[in-house]
Amino acid sequence: MNLIENIKEGLRSIQANMLRSVLTALIVAIGITSLVGILTAIDGIERSVNESLAGLGANTFDINSKDNRGGSSQGVAQKVYPSLKLNEAQRFIELYNVPSSVSLSANLSWNAEIKHLSAKTNPNVMVQGINEEYLAIKGLELQKGRGLSIMEVGYGTNVAIIGHKIYKTLFKDNEDPISSKITILGTQFKVIGVIEEKGQLAEDNYDNMVVIPIRLANQMAKGRGLSYELTVGITDPEKMEYAMGEATGLMRSIRRDEIGRESSFDLERSETLAQEMESITSALRIGGFGVGFITLLGASIALMNIMLVSVTERTREVGVRKALGATPLRIRQQFVIEAIVVCLLGGIAGIILGILIGNGISRLMGIEIFVVPWLWMSMGLIVCIAVGLISGYYPAHKASKLDPIESLRFE
């Protein structure tokens, strides 16, 4: 009896005991569905978030003032470096020659109260001075209106772009905010745009933010030094190290940092959000593997029990095969292949259900991407074969050890 005949015999045995085989395959299918479904949903969420953060982490780096307070370390006073100034930041933008876009921002207030006619917000609005590149670098889309122009940034025009929450607070339903007047820190501004609802992301709450031209924010600070931040978005991600090196050299020149001394500013790659996302999805994957493993463990025990019952029911059949010359190896192959076929049938059904359920969960969360997880599909099939081997080997080994004469007498 060759291998092909064993496979055919396994299929015939499954067909002869259809209800038992279907129930066994369903047990395996549930385990594979949980494994593939969870991992598919995680892949969909991760891909969507990575696309949303494409301009916020992978291709950008930040330049800002050193965070120092003049403390001491081991009795040695730490050097206090002056904050980054507006003219230094603007000079950097003018001279930086690596293909890129550079945004400039500074926080004017964390607790401003914004007014429009008789309506007003809570005194917790962040007012940010920005240049014309800020919205694009931060991946912010406009629900209404337009962004700042180069002229408005250069001349410090009294125009503002408001967050979604501020728009909902100050303006009634269907009221067009564009060209309306709002009051920020005692100064009137014309609204030229509304940022699409973003939700709070890390420390930035763009929905509760107002952005104005950076030069005007500097004037409204009235001599109070603002903390300016540059964010550089590189056109070619492969040139990131080169771009950061060029930025460091240029800024050291602008700040007149002496050779051999540490830089008087901080420059760091904006990867925090991407790293946090990766750690979260890794934890979710481990959880998904855990759920799938426990379910498949139960499936393998159930399958082994069913195969043991099958061996008992087919004792006479095993005796006849041995009497006709079947070796213990062929007997073991027959039962192992039968177990693997049942697992594969359940696994294929589980993979299809897992993909549909995983993408369905992603769709419920507002993610439109349809993910086909080839890696998890392949892993699911490998797991099915492993479960079939593990669950089928002991019953197959037991069947191969049966005495042919005793088996033929079995009733």
Foldseek 3Di string as FASTA:
>chain_A
DDLVVLLVVLVVVCVVVVVLLVVLLQLLLVLLLLLLQLLLLLVLVLVVVCVLCVLPFLFKKKWWFDPDDQPADPPHTDDAFDTDAPVLVVVLQVPQDAPWDKKKKWWLDQFKWKAAVPFIDGRGFIEMAIAQCVCVSNSWDFPDFDTDDNVCLVVFAQAKEAAQLRCPRHDDPPDDQAQGWMAIPRDIGGYGTYIDQDDDDPPDHRNRYMYGRNVNSVVVSVPDGTIMMMMIGHPDSVCRVVSQVSSQVSSCVSSVPDPPDDRRMDMGGRCPRVVVSVVVSVVSSVVSVVSSVVSLVVSLVSLLVVLLVVLLVCLLVLLVCVVVPDALVSLLSSQLSSLLVSLQVSLVSSLVSSQVSNVVVNVVVVRPDRDNPPVSSVVSSVVSSVSSNVSRRVSSNVSNPDDSVVSNVRD
